[in-house]
Amino acid sequence: MTGTLINVGGILAGSLIGLLLKRGIPEHISGAILKVQGLVVLIIGLNGVLTAMLYVDPVTGRLHDRGALILLISLVVGCAIGEALKIDDHVNGISDRIERRLGAGSFSKGFVSATLIFVVGAMGIVGALNDGLVGDSNVLITKAIIDGITSIILASSLGFGVIFAAIPVLIYQGSISLLAGVISPYISDDLIRMFSMVGYALVMVLGINFLLHTKIKVANLLPALVIPIIWYYVSAAIAV
């Protein structure tokens, strides 16, 4: 899991640089940066969703979409589960305790936002599989550079919660690398595509929150990431 450790190192280094920069940025400039950052995050999320949904028919050359139904079901069911479990309230409760102990604010927003951006997408899954199966860390090294730059920007505006996003990245990608030989036969391109599509939809929600200062409870949408996985395996079982 060398690639994952490099990826985590990139996030830690970028976050520390961002926190140092945050001290010298006036509040009005930080607010403006957050809005621009929201626009960029929204575009990244939209690009990810469209990349997963749209494809060109090799025969007719026409553009088609796929996965709209599972995207809708995932977000609706995931939201219902998240609201019922009050995930956002629990995350904020933990965040408040951490903030009181460390004497700093905005932990939850930085942590949840950075974790979503760093975890969703095909690079983490494919890179971790390559790292675990054949020791090829190239994809994760590239991701480490991207995540490092992103963490500088995020930490400079959202604060110290961003640095803790390295923990779920370590657990998530590290687990895939360590179990690559066992789980690789069960992970297909279709599963990665559906998971990424839903994940990038949540990234779009983050962008909307940053840009418009809305308060959509992103943490309550996290169960949506599990729905495409269940959908994929249940569909496969029925097909057999």
C-alpha atoms as a PDB file:
ATOM      1  CA  MET A   1       0.000   0.000   0.000  1.00  0.00           C
ATOM      2  CA  THR A   2       2.883   2.302  -0.829  1.00  0.00           C
ATOM      3  CA  GLY A   3       0.710   4.414  -3.119  1.00  0.00           C
ATOM      4  CA  THR A   4      -1.857   4.999  -0.376  1.00  0.00           C
ATOM      5  CA  LEU A   5       0.844   6.144   2.056  1.00  0.00           C
ATOM      6  CA  ILE A   6       2.155   8.578  -0.567  1.00  0.00           C
ATOM      7  CA  ASN A   7      -1.423   9.802  -1.151  1.00  0.00           C
ATOM      8  CA  VAL A   8      -1.916  10.344   2.588  1.00  0.00           C
ATOM      9  CA  GLY A   9       1.426  12.160   2.775  1.00  0.00           C
ATOM     10  CA  GLY A  10       0.316  14.484  -0.030  1.00  0.00           C
ATOM     11  CA  ILE A  11      -2.898  15.340   1.825  1.00  0.00           C
ATOM     12  CA  LEU A  12      -1.068  15.977   5.099  1.00  0.00           C
ATOM     13  CA  ALA A  13       1.571  18.165   3.453  1.00  0.00           C
ATOM     14  CA  GLY A  14      -0.983  20.114   1.430  1.00  0.00           C
ATOM     15  CA  SER A  15      -3.219  20.632   4.458  1.00  0.00           C
ATOM     16  CA  LEU A  16      -0.340  21.974   6.564  1.00  0.00           C
ATOM     17  CA  ILE A  17       0.628  24.406   3.807  1.00  0.00           C
ATOM     18  CA  GLY A  18      -2.999  25.498   3.501  1.00  0.00           C
ATOM     19  CA  LEU A  19      -3.278  26.094   7.248  1.00  0.00           C
ATOM     20  CA  LEU A  20      -0.133  28.233   7.183  1.00  0.00           C
ATOM     21  CA  LEU A  21      -1.532  30.255   4.281  1.00  0.00           C
ATOM     22  CA  LYS A  22      -4.883  30.641   6.063  1.00  0.00           C
ATOM     23  CA  ARG A  23      -3.255  32.706   8.823  1.00  0.00           C
ATOM     24  CA  GLY A  24      -2.207  35.408   6.374  1.00  0.00           C
ATOM     25  CA  ILE A  25      -5.445  35.648   4.367  1.00  0.00           C
ATOM     26  CA  PRO A  26      -7.926  38.387   5.393  1.00  0.00           C
ATOM     27  CA  GLU A  27     -11.468  37.190   6.064  1.00  0.00           C
ATOM     28  CA  HIS A  28     -13.040  39.008   3.103  1.00  0.00           C
ATOM     29  CA  ILE A  29     -10.522  37.443   0.718  1.00  0.00           C
ATOM     30  CA  SER A  30     -11.060  34.013   2.297  1.00  0.00           C
ATOM     31  CA  GLY A  31     -14.818  34.360   1.721  1.00  0.00           C
ATOM     32  CA  ALA A  32     -14.285  35.247  -1.930  1.00  0.00           C
ATOM     33  CA  ILE A  33     -11.920  32.286  -2.367  1.00  0.00           C
ATOM     34  CA  LEU A  34     -14.532  29.976  -0.824  1.00  0.00           C
ATOM     35  CA  LYS A  35     -17.104  31.048  -3.446  1.00  0.00           C
ATOM     36  CA  VAL A  36     -14.666  30.505  -6.317  1.00  0.00           C
ATOM     37  CA  GLN A  37     -13.717  27.184  -4.760  1.00  0.00           C
ATOM     38  CA  GLY A  38     -17.409  26.267  -4.669  1.00  0.00           C
ATOM     39  CA  LEU A  39     -17.701  26.966  -8.377  1.00  0.00           C
ATOM     40  CA  VAL A  40     -14.702  24.769  -9.154  1.00  0.00           C
ATOM     41  CA  VAL A  41     -15.959  21.936  -6.910  1.00  0.00           C
ATOM     42  CA  LEU A  42     -19.378  22.169  -8.587  1.00  0.00           C
ATOM     43  CA  ILE A  43     -17.754  21.886 -12.027  1.00  0.00           C
ATOM     44  CA  ILE A  44     -15.630  18.919 -10.897  1.00  0.00           C
ATOM     45  CA  GLY A  45     -18.726  17.160  -9.568  1.00  0.00           C
ATOM     46  CA  LEU A  46     -20.743  17.894 -12.704  1.00  0.00           C
ATOM     47  CA  ASN A  47     -17.910  16.649 -14.914  1.00  0.00           C
ATOM     48  CA  GLY A  48     -17.698  13.438 -12.886  1.00  0.00           C
ATOM     49  CA  VAL A  49     -21.438  12.796 -13.071  1.00  0.00           C
ATOM     50  CA  LEU A  50     -21.623  13.463 -16.821  1.00  0.00           C
ATOM     51  CA  THR A  51     -18.532  11.338 -17.510  1.00  0.00           C
ATOM     52  CA  ALA A  52     -20.152   8.415 -15.683  1.00  0.00           C
ATOM     53  CA  MET A  53     -23.607   8.908 -17.226  1.00  0.00           C
ATOM     54  CA  LEU A  54     -22.959   9.790 -20.868  1.00  0.00           C
ATOM     55  CA  TYR A  55     -21.545   7.532 -23.576  1.00  0.00           C
ATOM     56  CA  VAL A  56     -21.362   7.480 -27.368  1.00  0.00           C
ATOM     57  CA  ASP A  57     -23.056   4.586 -29.171  1.00  0.00           C
ATOM     58  CA  PRO A  58     -20.263   2.974 -31.241  1.00  0.00           C
ATOM     59  CA  VAL A  59     -22.721   2.044 -33.987  1.00  0.00           C
ATOM     60  CA  THR A  60     -24.791   5.212 -34.424  1.00  0.00           C
ATOM     61  CA  GLY A  61     -22.326   7.702 -32.956  1.00  0.00           C
ATOM     62  CA  ARG A  62     -25.158   9.239 -30.930  1.00  0.00           C
ATOM     63  CA  LEU A  63     -24.846  10.408 -27.333  1.00  0.00           C
ATOM     64  CA  HIS A  64     -26.851   8.449 -24.743  1.00  0.00           C
ATOM     65  CA  ASP A  65     -27.222   8.529 -20.970  1.00  0.00           C
ATOM     66  CA  ARG A  66     -27.294   5.705 -18.448  1.00  0.00           C
ATOM     67  CA  GLY A  67     -27.716   5.404 -14.722  1.00  0.00           C
ATOM     68  CA  ALA A  68     -30.187   8.255 -14.179  1.00  0.00           C
ATOM     69  CA  LEU A  69     -32.568   5.930 -12.341  1.00  0.00           C
ATOM     70  CA  ILE A  70     -29.948   4.513  -9.966  1.00  0.00           C
ATOM     71  CA  LEU A  71     -28.680   8.053  -9.331  1.00  0.00           C
ATOM     72  CA  LEU A  72     -32.173   9.189  -8.355  1.00  0.00           C
ATOM     73  CA  ILE A  73     -32.842   6.111  -6.206  1.00  0.00           C
ATOM     74  CA  SER A  74     -29.448   6.371  -4.496  1.00  0.00           C
ATOM     75  CA  LEU A  75     -29.898  10.025  -3.557  1.00  0.00           C
ATOM     76  CA  VAL A  76     -33.515   9.647  -2.403  1.00  0.00           C
ATOM     77  CA  VAL A  77     -32.979   6.445  -0.401  1.00  0.00           C
ATOM     78  CA  GLY A  78     -29.618   7.627   0.903  1.00  0.00           C
ATOM     79  CA  CYS A  79     -31.121  10.928   2.030  1.00  0.00           C
ATOM     80  CA  ALA A  80     -34.007   9.144   3.772  1.00  0.00           C
ATOM     81  CA  ILE A  81     -31.588   6.856   5.631  1.00  0.00           C
ATOM     82  CA  GLY A  82     -29.283   9.730   6.550  1.00  0.00           C
ATOM     83  CA  GLU A  83     -32.147  11.858   7.845  1.00  0.00           C
ATOM     84  CA  ALA A  84     -33.571   8.945   9.847  1.00  0.00           C
ATOM     85  CA  LEU A  85     -30.182   8.209  11.417  1.00  0.00           C
ATOM     86  CA  LYS A  86     -29.432  11.931  11.843  1.00  0.00           C
ATOM     87  CA  ILE A  87     -25.886  11.401  10.573  1.00  0.00           C
ATOM     88  CA  ASP A  88     -25.242  15.116  10.152  1.00  0.00           C
ATOM     89  CA  ASP A  89     -26.235  15.794  13.778  1.00  0.00           C
ATOM     90  CA  HIS A  90     -23.908  13.046  15.023  1.00  0.00           C
ATOM     91  CA  VAL A  91     -21.020  14.305  12.869  1.00  0.00           C
ATOM     92  CA  ASN A  92     -21.563  17.841  14.145  1.00  0.00           C
ATOM     93  CA  GLY A  93     -21.697  16.568  17.725  1.00  0.00           C
ATOM     94  CA  ILE A  94     -18.329  14.848  17.333  1.00  0.00           C
ATOM     95  CA  SER A  95     -17.037  17.933  15.541  1.00  0.00           C
ATOM     96  CA  ASP A  96     -18.089  20.197  18.394  1.00  0.00           C
ATOM     97  CA  ARG A  97     -16.229  18.039  20.927  1.00  0.00           C
ATOM     98  CA  ILE A  98     -13.073  18.046  18.801  1.00  0.00           C
ATOM     99  CA  GLU A  99     -13.321  21.797  18.261  1.00  0.00           C
ATOM    100  CA  ARG A 100     -13.641  22.410  22.013  1.00  0.00           C
ATOM    101  CA  ARG A 101     -10.611  20.256  22.760  1.00  0.00           C
ATOM    102  CA  LEU A 102      -8.422  21.775  20.057  1.00  0.00           C
ATOM    103  CA  GLY A 103      -9.787  25.298  20.371  1.00  0.00           C
ATOM    104  CA  ALA A 104     -10.562  25.684  16.678  1.00  0.00           C
ATOM    105  CA  GLY A 105     -13.717  25.793  14.597  1.00  0.00           C
ATOM    106  CA  SER A 106     -15.092  24.492  11.283  1.00  0.00           C
ATOM    107  CA  PHE A 107     -13.841  20.940  11.786  1.00  0.00           C
ATOM    108  CA  SER A 108     -16.940  19.212  10.394  1.00  0.00           C
ATOM    109  CA  LYS A 109     -17.189  21.244   7.199  1.00  0.00           C
ATOM    110  CA  GLY A 110     -13.530  20.777   6.334  1.00  0.00           C
ATOM    111  CA  PHE A 111     -13.445  17.089   7.221  1.00  0.00           C
ATOM    112  CA  VAL A 112     -16.629  16.021   5.405  1.00  0.00           C
ATOM    113  CA  SER A 113     -15.916  18.159   2.342  1.00  0.00           C
ATOM    114  CA  ALA A 114     -12.322  16.995   1.939  1.00  0.00           C
ATOM    115  CA  THR A 115     -13.167  13.350   2.600  1.00  0.00           C
ATOM    116  CA  LEU A 116     -15.811  13.306  -0.122  1.00  0.00           C
ATOM    117  CA  ILE A 117     -13.543  14.976  -2.665  1.00  0.00           C
ATOM    118  CA  PHE A 118     -10.604  12.677  -1.887  1.00  0.00           C
ATOM    119  CA  VAL A 119     -12.550   9.404  -1.688  1.00  0.00           C
ATOM    120  CA  VAL A 120     -15.043   9.464  -4.573  1.00  0.00           C
ATOM    121  CA  GLY A 121     -13.920   8.748  -8.108  1.00  0.00           C
ATOM    122  CA  ALA A 122     -12.284   5.912  -9.958  1.00  0.00           C
ATOM    123  CA  MET A 123      -8.660   6.888  -9.297  1.00  0.00           C
ATOM    124  CA  GLY A 124      -8.747   5.810  -5.660  1.00  0.00           C
ATOM    125  CA  ILE A 125     -10.295   2.413  -6.401  1.00  0.00           C
ATOM    126  CA  VAL A 126      -8.298   1.565  -9.534  1.00  0.00           C
ATOM    127  CA  GLY A 127      -5.077   2.951  -8.077  1.00  0.00           C
ATOM    128  CA  ALA A 128      -5.460   0.988  -4.837  1.00  0.00           C
ATOM    129  CA  LEU A 129      -6.195  -2.222  -6.778  1.00  0.00           C
ATOM    130  CA  ASN A 130      -3.127  -1.745  -8.983  1.00  0.00           C
ATOM    131  CA  ASP A 131      -1.020  -1.005  -5.922  1.00  0.00           C
ATOM    132  CA  GLY A 132      -2.221  -4.126  -4.130  1.00  0.00           C
ATOM    133  CA  LEU A 133      -2.178  -6.535  -7.070  1.00  0.00           C
ATOM    134  CA  VAL A 134       1.029  -5.659  -8.946  1.00  0.00           C
ATOM    135  CA  GLY A 135       2.702  -3.001  -6.793  1.00  0.00           C
ATOM    136  CA  ASP A 136       2.009  -0.260  -9.357  1.00  0.00           C
ATOM    137  CA  SER A 137       1.628   3.030  -7.446  1.00  0.00           C
ATOM    138  CA  ASN A 138       1.604   5.382 -10.451  1.00  0.00           C
ATOM    139  CA  VAL A 139      -2.130   6.140 -10.325  1.00  0.00           C
ATOM    140  CA  LEU A 140      -2.069   6.881  -6.605  1.00  0.00           C
ATOM    141  CA  ILE A 141       1.061   9.011  -6.943  1.00  0.00           C
ATOM    142  CA  THR A 142      -0.784  11.107  -9.522  1.00  0.00           C
ATOM    143  CA  LYS A 143      -3.783  11.250  -7.166  1.00  0.00           C
ATOM    144  CA  ALA A 144      -1.463  12.293  -4.321  1.00  0.00           C
ATOM    145  CA  ILE A 145      -0.324  15.315  -6.332  1.00  0.00           C
ATOM    146  CA  ILE A 146      -3.922  16.270  -7.179  1.00  0.00           C
ATOM    147  CA  ASP A 147      -5.130  15.737  -3.595  1.00  0.00           C
ATOM    148  CA  GLY A 148      -2.142  17.640  -2.211  1.00  0.00           C
ATOM    149  CA  ILE A 149      -2.907  20.714  -4.315  1.00  0.00           C
ATOM    150  CA  THR A 150      -6.620  20.416  -3.496  1.00  0.00           C
ATOM    151  CA  SER A 151      -5.897  20.136   0.231  1.00  0.00           C
ATOM    152  CA  ILE A 152      -3.884  23.374   0.133  1.00  0.00           C
ATOM    153  CA  ILE A 153      -6.901  25.191  -1.276  1.00  0.00           C
ATOM    154  CA  LEU A 154      -9.401  23.491   1.033  1.00  0.00           C
ATOM    155  CA  ALA A 155      -7.379  23.938   4.232  1.00  0.00           C
ATOM    156  CA  SER A 156      -6.696  27.601   3.455  1.00  0.00           C
ATOM    157  CA  SER A 157     -10.438  28.281   3.497  1.00  0.00           C
ATOM    158  CA  LEU A 158     -12.061  25.480   5.545  1.00  0.00           C
ATOM    159  CA  GLY A 159      -9.475  25.020   8.271  1.00  0.00           C
ATOM    160  CA  PHE A 160      -7.851  22.164  10.141  1.00  0.00           C
ATOM    161  CA  GLY A 161     -10.620  19.597   9.574  1.00  0.00           C
ATOM    162  CA  VAL A 162      -9.178  18.969   6.094  1.00  0.00           C
ATOM    163  CA  ILE A 163      -6.031  17.351   7.489  1.00  0.00           C
ATOM    164  CA  PHE A 164      -8.112  14.647   9.205  1.00  0.00           C
ATOM    165  CA  ALA A 165      -9.500  13.560   5.822  1.00  0.00           C
ATOM    166  CA  ALA A 166      -6.226  11.670   5.435  1.00  0.00           C
ATOM    167  CA  ILE A 167      -7.570   9.075   7.907  1.00  0.00           C
ATOM    168  CA  PRO A 168     -10.547   7.785   5.844  1.00  0.00           C
ATOM    169  CA  VAL A 169      -8.338   7.855   2.724  1.00  0.00           C
ATOM    170  CA  LEU A 170      -5.804   5.658   4.526  1.00  0.00           C
ATOM    171  CA  ILE A 171      -8.495   3.232   5.710  1.00  0.00           C
ATOM    172  CA  TYR A 172     -10.444   3.168   2.421  1.00  0.00           C
ATOM    173  CA  GLN A 173      -7.613   2.877  -0.095  1.00  0.00           C
ATOM    174  CA  GLY A 174      -5.396   0.871   2.235  1.00  0.00           C
ATOM    175  CA  SER A 175      -8.126  -1.733   2.734  1.00  0.00           C
ATOM    176  CA  ILE A 176      -8.643  -2.060  -1.022  1.00  0.00           C
ATOM    177  CA  SER A 177      -4.888  -2.524  -1.567  1.00  0.00           C
ATOM    178  CA  LEU A 178      -4.503  -5.100   1.206  1.00  0.00           C
ATOM    179  CA  LEU A 179      -7.577  -7.051   0.053  1.00  0.00           C
ATOM    180  CA  ALA A 180      -7.009  -6.496  -3.679  1.00  0.00           C
ATOM    181  CA  GLY A 181      -6.468 -10.166  -4.456  1.00  0.00           C
ATOM    182  CA  VAL A 182      -9.754 -11.098  -2.798  1.00  0.00           C
ATOM    183  CA  ILE A 183     -12.052  -8.295  -3.967  1.00  0.00           C
ATOM    184  CA  SER A 184     -10.748  -7.546  -7.478  1.00  0.00           C
ATOM    185  CA  PRO A 185     -12.906 -10.251  -9.163  1.00  0.00           C
ATOM    186  CA  TYR A 186     -15.999  -8.589  -7.657  1.00  0.00           C
ATOM    187  CA  ILE A 187     -15.231  -5.014  -8.754  1.00  0.00           C
ATOM    188  CA  SER A 188     -16.217  -4.232 -12.328  1.00  0.00           C
ATOM    189  CA  ASP A 189     -16.062  -1.102 -14.452  1.00  0.00           C
ATOM    190  CA  ASP A 190     -19.860  -0.761 -14.143  1.00  0.00           C
ATOM    191  CA  LEU A 191     -19.701  -0.818 -10.341  1.00  0.00           C
ATOM    192  CA  ILE A 192     -16.931   1.793 -10.267  1.00  0.00           C
ATOM    193  CA  ARG A 193     -18.896   3.943 -12.732  1.00  0.00           C
ATOM    194  CA  MET A 194     -22.099   3.851 -10.659  1.00  0.00           C
ATOM    195  CA  PHE A 195     -20.265   4.507  -7.397  1.00  0.00           C
ATOM    196  CA  SER A 196     -18.358   7.422  -8.944  1.00  0.00           C
ATOM    197  CA  MET A 197     -21.547   8.879 -10.451  1.00  0.00           C
ATOM    198  CA  VAL A 198     -23.292   9.027  -7.071  1.00  0.00           C
ATOM    199  CA  GLY A 199     -20.139  10.230  -5.341  1.00  0.00           C
ATOM    200  CA  TYR A 200     -19.639  13.096  -7.757  1.00  0.00           C
ATOM    201  CA  ALA A 201     -23.286  14.083  -7.297  1.00  0.00           C
ATOM    202  CA  LEU A 202     -22.476  14.593  -3.609  1.00  0.00           C
ATOM    203  CA  VAL A 203     -19.433  16.635  -4.627  1.00  0.00           C
ATOM    204  CA  MET A 204     -21.820  18.835  -6.644  1.00  0.00           C
ATOM    205  CA  VAL A 205     -23.844  19.382  -3.465  1.00  0.00           C
ATOM    206  CA  LEU A 206     -20.666  20.502  -1.699  1.00  0.00           C
ATOM    207  CA  GLY A 207     -20.005  22.975  -4.484  1.00  0.00           C
ATOM    208  CA  ILE A 208     -23.537  24.357  -4.197  1.00  0.00           C
ATOM    209  CA  ASN A 209     -23.108  24.787  -0.438  1.00  0.00           C
ATOM    210  CA  PHE A 210     -19.816  26.654  -0.885  1.00  0.00           C
ATOM    211  CA  LEU A 211     -21.053  28.820  -3.735  1.00  0.00           C
ATOM    212  CA  LEU A 212     -24.515  29.762  -2.486  1.00  0.00           C
ATOM    213  CA  HIS A 213     -23.957  29.434   1.284  1.00  0.00           C
ATOM    214  CA  THR A 214     -26.794  26.917   1.468  1.00  0.00           C
ATOM    215  CA  LYS A 215     -27.003  24.342   4.245  1.00  0.00           C
ATOM    216  CA  ILE A 216     -27.764  21.084   2.471  1.00  0.00           C
ATOM    217  CA  LYS A 217     -26.767  18.385   4.969  1.00  0.00           C
ATOM    218  CA  VAL A 218     -24.169  16.518   2.914  1.00  0.00           C
ATOM    219  CA  ALA A 219     -23.402  14.068   5.722  1.00  0.00           C
ATOM    220  CA  ASN A 220     -27.010  12.860   5.582  1.00  0.00           C
ATOM    221  CA  LEU A 221     -26.465  11.969   1.914  1.00  0.00           C
ATOM    222  CA  LEU A 222     -23.484   9.688   2.609  1.00  0.00           C
ATOM    223  CA  PRO A 223     -25.611   6.469   2.710  1.00  0.00           C
ATOM    224  CA  ALA A 224     -26.330   7.141  -0.985  1.00  0.00           C
ATOM    225  CA  LEU A 225     -22.829   5.823  -1.734  1.00  0.00           C
ATOM    226  CA  VAL A 226     -23.847   2.354  -0.548  1.00  0.00           C
ATOM    227  CA  ILE A 227     -26.992   2.095  -2.708  1.00  0.00           C
ATOM    228  CA  PRO A 228     -25.271   1.589  -6.116  1.00  0.00           C
ATOM    229  CA  ILE A 229     -23.146  -1.178  -4.591  1.00  0.00           C
ATOM    230  CA  ILE A 230     -26.257  -2.977  -3.314  1.00  0.00           C
ATOM    231  CA  TRP A 231     -28.045  -2.326  -6.629  1.00  0.00           C
ATOM    232  CA  TYR A 232     -25.150  -3.802  -8.620  1.00  0.00           C
ATOM    233  CA  TYR A 233     -24.863  -7.051  -6.669  1.00  0.00           C
ATOM    234  CA  VAL A 234     -28.625  -7.586  -6.352  1.00  0.00           C
ATOM    235  CA  SER A 235     -29.016  -7.026 -10.123  1.00  0.00           C
ATOM    236  CA  ALA A 236     -26.178  -9.466 -10.787  1.00  0.00           C
ATOM    237  CA  ALA A 237     -27.753 -12.076  -8.507  1.00  0.00           C
ATOM    238  CA  ILE A 238     -31.150 -11.718 -10.206  1.00  0.00           C
ATOM    239  CA  ALA A 239     -29.547 -11.986 -13.648  1.00  0.00           C
ATOM    240  CA  VAL A 240     -27.973 -15.298 -12.679  1.00  0.00           C
END
